[in-house]
Amino acid sequence: MTLIVDRMEDRNEREESTETGPTATSERRRIDVTDLHADGISEFVDANVDTDAVSLEHRGARTYLVLES
């Protein structure tokens, strides 16, 4: 199974934030996890992700694991 990773800027935070540091231009990574079961997503996060700041995002028929950096 292939996981697709898409890097994107968090434009909402950048527009709302008045800071000029790294948090103002933070990026989020999206990983397509549509074909994984819930247990598979949990195992993937435990084995491959270095942060606890993750969420799921639904876009149309796809589900993405969003990693905050």
N, C-alpha and C. Protein backbone atom coordinates (compact mmCIF):
# COMPACT_ATOMS: atom_id res chain seq x y z
N MET A 1 0.84 -1.17 0.00
CA MET A 1 0.00 0.00 0.00
C MET A 1 0.89 1.24 0.00
N THR A 2 0.52 2.24 -0.76
CA THR A 2 1.27 3.47 -0.88
C THR A 2 0.57 4.58 -0.11
N LEU A 3 1.33 5.28 0.71
CA LEU A 3 0.81 6.45 1.41
C LEU A 3 1.28 7.70 0.69
N ILE A 4 0.38 8.61 0.44
CA ILE A 4 0.70 9.85 -0.27
C ILE A 4 0.87 10.95 0.76
N VAL A 5 2.00 11.65 0.72
CA VAL A 5 2.28 12.74 1.65
C VAL A 5 2.23 14.05 0.90
N ASP A 6 1.47 14.99 1.40
CA ASP A 6 1.31 16.30 0.78
C ASP A 6 1.67 17.35 1.81
N ARG A 7 2.66 18.18 1.52
CA ARG A 7 3.06 19.24 2.44
C ARG A 7 2.30 20.51 2.08
N MET A 8 1.72 21.16 3.09
CA MET A 8 0.97 22.39 2.82
C MET A 8 1.18 23.38 3.95
N GLU A 9 1.03 24.64 3.65
CA GLU A 9 1.12 25.68 4.67
C GLU A 9 -0.20 25.80 5.39
N ASP A 10 -0.15 26.13 6.64
CA ASP A 10 -1.36 26.38 7.40
C ASP A 10 -1.69 27.85 7.28
N ARG A 11 -2.42 28.22 6.25
CA ARG A 11 -2.68 29.62 5.94
C ARG A 11 -3.57 30.27 6.97
N ASN A 12 -4.46 29.51 7.60
CA ASN A 12 -5.34 30.10 8.62
C ASN A 12 -4.54 30.62 9.79
N GLU A 13 -3.56 29.84 10.25
CA GLU A 13 -2.74 30.28 11.38
C GLU A 13 -1.91 31.48 10.99
N ARG A 14 -1.36 31.48 9.78
CA ARG A 14 -0.50 32.57 9.35
C ARG A 14 -1.29 33.87 9.27
N GLU A 15 -2.52 33.83 8.78
CA GLU A 15 -3.32 35.03 8.65
C GLU A 15 -3.81 35.54 9.99
N GLU A 16 -4.13 34.63 10.91
CA GLU A 16 -4.67 35.03 12.20
C GLU A 16 -3.59 35.41 13.19
N SER A 17 -2.38 34.92 12.99
CA SER A 17 -1.31 35.15 13.94
C SER A 17 -0.60 36.47 13.66
N THR A 18 -0.18 37.14 14.74
CA THR A 18 0.59 38.37 14.58
C THR A 18 2.07 38.11 14.84
N GLU A 19 2.43 36.87 15.16
CA GLU A 19 3.82 36.52 15.43
C GLU A 19 4.60 36.48 14.13
N THR A 20 5.93 36.66 14.26
CA THR A 20 6.78 36.55 13.08
C THR A 20 7.70 35.35 13.18
N GLY A 21 7.56 34.55 14.23
CA GLY A 21 8.41 33.38 14.43
C GLY A 21 7.93 32.19 13.63
N PRO A 22 8.51 31.03 13.92
CA PRO A 22 8.19 29.81 13.17
C PRO A 22 6.73 29.40 13.26
N THR A 23 6.04 29.73 14.35
CA THR A 23 4.64 29.33 14.46
C THR A 23 3.76 30.08 13.49
N ALA A 24 4.19 31.26 13.08
CA ALA A 24 3.39 32.05 12.15
C ALA A 24 3.41 31.44 10.74
N THR A 25 4.46 30.71 10.42
CA THR A 25 4.57 30.11 9.09
C THR A 25 4.68 28.59 9.19
N SER A 26 4.01 28.00 10.16
CA SER A 26 4.11 26.56 10.35
C SER A 26 3.51 25.82 9.15
N GLU A 27 4.06 24.65 8.91
CA GLU A 27 3.57 23.81 7.82
C GLU A 27 2.91 22.58 8.41
N ARG A 28 2.00 22.03 7.65
CA ARG A 28 1.34 20.80 8.04
C ARG A 28 1.56 19.77 6.94
N ARG A 29 1.79 18.54 7.33
CA ARG A 29 1.90 17.45 6.37
C ARG A 29 0.61 16.67 6.39
N ARG A 30 0.12 16.33 5.21
CA ARG A 30 -1.07 15.50 5.10
C ARG A 30 -0.66 14.17 4.48
N ILE A 31 -1.08 13.09 5.10
CA ILE A 31 -0.79 11.75 4.60
C ILE A 31 -2.13 11.08 4.31
N ASP A 32 -2.29 10.62 3.08
CA ASP A 32 -3.53 9.96 2.66
C ASP A 32 -3.62 8.60 3.34
N VAL A 33 -4.58 8.44 4.24
CA VAL A 33 -4.76 7.20 4.99
C VAL A 33 -6.13 6.58 4.71
N THR A 34 -6.71 6.91 3.56
CA THR A 34 -8.05 6.44 3.22
C THR A 34 -8.16 4.93 3.27
N ASP A 35 -7.11 4.23 2.82
CA ASP A 35 -7.17 2.78 2.73
C ASP A 35 -6.78 2.05 4.01
N LEU A 36 -6.46 2.79 5.07
CA LEU A 36 -6.07 2.15 6.34
C LEU A 36 -7.27 2.06 7.28
N HIS A 37 -7.31 1.00 8.08
CA HIS A 37 -8.29 0.90 9.15
C HIS A 37 -7.82 1.75 10.32
N ALA A 38 -8.67 2.03 11.26
CA ALA A 38 -8.33 2.87 12.40
C ALA A 38 -7.12 2.32 13.16
N ASP A 39 -7.07 1.01 13.37
CA ASP A 39 -5.92 0.41 14.06
C ASP A 39 -4.64 0.61 13.26
N GLY A 40 -4.73 0.55 11.94
CA GLY A 40 -3.57 0.76 11.10
C GLY A 40 -3.05 2.18 11.19
N ILE A 41 -3.95 3.14 11.31
CA ILE A 41 -3.54 4.54 11.45
C ILE A 41 -2.82 4.74 12.78
N SER A 42 -3.36 4.17 13.82
CA SER A 42 -2.74 4.28 15.14
C SER A 42 -1.34 3.66 15.15
N GLU A 43 -1.20 2.49 14.55
CA GLU A 43 0.11 1.84 14.47
C GLU A 43 1.08 2.65 13.64
N PHE A 44 0.61 3.24 12.53
CA PHE A 44 1.45 4.07 11.69
C PHE A 44 1.97 5.27 12.46
N VAL A 45 1.09 5.93 13.21
CA VAL A 45 1.50 7.10 14.00
C VAL A 45 2.52 6.70 15.05
N ASP A 46 2.27 5.60 15.76
CA ASP A 46 3.20 5.15 16.80
C ASP A 46 4.58 4.84 16.24
N ALA A 47 4.63 4.25 15.04
CA ALA A 47 5.90 3.81 14.48
C ALA A 47 6.63 4.88 13.67
N ASN A 48 5.92 5.84 13.09
CA ASN A 48 6.54 6.72 12.10
C ASN A 48 6.46 8.21 12.37
N VAL A 49 5.73 8.63 13.38
CA VAL A 49 5.51 10.05 13.59
C VAL A 49 6.16 10.47 14.90
N ASP A 50 6.86 11.61 14.87
CA ASP A 50 7.58 12.09 16.05
C ASP A 50 6.82 13.13 16.85
N THR A 51 5.53 13.28 16.58
CA THR A 51 4.74 14.27 17.30
C THR A 51 3.39 13.68 17.70
N ASP A 52 2.82 14.24 18.75
CA ASP A 52 1.47 13.85 19.16
C ASP A 52 0.42 14.78 18.57
N ALA A 53 0.87 15.82 17.88
CA ALA A 53 -0.04 16.81 17.29
C ALA A 53 -0.52 16.32 15.92
N VAL A 54 -1.46 15.40 15.94
CA VAL A 54 -2.00 14.83 14.71
C VAL A 54 -3.52 14.92 14.74
N SER A 55 -4.12 14.93 13.56
CA SER A 55 -5.57 14.91 13.47
C SER A 55 -5.96 14.26 12.16
N LEU A 56 -7.22 13.89 12.04
CA LEU A 56 -7.75 13.35 10.79
C LEU A 56 -8.57 14.42 10.10
N GLU A 57 -8.46 14.45 8.78
CA GLU A 57 -9.19 15.43 7.99
C GLU A 57 -9.85 14.71 6.82
N HIS A 58 -11.12 14.97 6.61
CA HIS A 58 -11.85 14.36 5.50
C HIS A 58 -12.00 15.39 4.40
N ARG A 59 -11.63 15.01 3.19
CA ARG A 59 -11.80 15.87 2.01
C ARG A 59 -12.43 15.02 0.93
N GLY A 60 -13.69 15.24 0.69
CA GLY A 60 -14.41 14.42 -0.29
C GLY A 60 -14.45 12.98 0.18
N ALA A 61 -13.98 12.08 -0.65
CA ALA A 61 -13.98 10.66 -0.30
C ALA A 61 -12.65 10.22 0.30
N ARG A 62 -11.72 11.14 0.54
CA ARG A 62 -10.39 10.81 1.05
C ARG A 62 -10.28 11.20 2.52
N THR A 63 -9.44 10.48 3.26
CA THR A 63 -9.14 10.78 4.65
C THR A 63 -7.63 11.01 4.77
N TYR A 64 -7.25 12.09 5.43
CA TYR A 64 -5.85 12.43 5.57
C TYR A 64 -5.48 12.50 7.05
N LEU A 65 -4.29 12.03 7.37
CA LEU A 65 -3.69 12.23 8.69
C LEU A 65 -2.90 13.51 8.58
N VAL A 66 -3.23 14.49 9.42
CA VAL A 66 -2.58 15.81 9.38
C VAL A 66 -1.59 15.88 10.52
N LEU A 67 -0.32 16.17 10.17
CA LEU A 67 0.76 16.28 11.15
C LEU A 67 1.14 17.74 11.29
N GLU A 68 1.05 18.27 12.49
CA GLU A 68 1.46 19.65 12.77
C GLU A 68 2.96 19.65 13.01
N SER A 69 3.64 20.64 12.45
CA SER A 69 5.09 20.73 12.69
C SER A 69 5.46 22.04 13.33
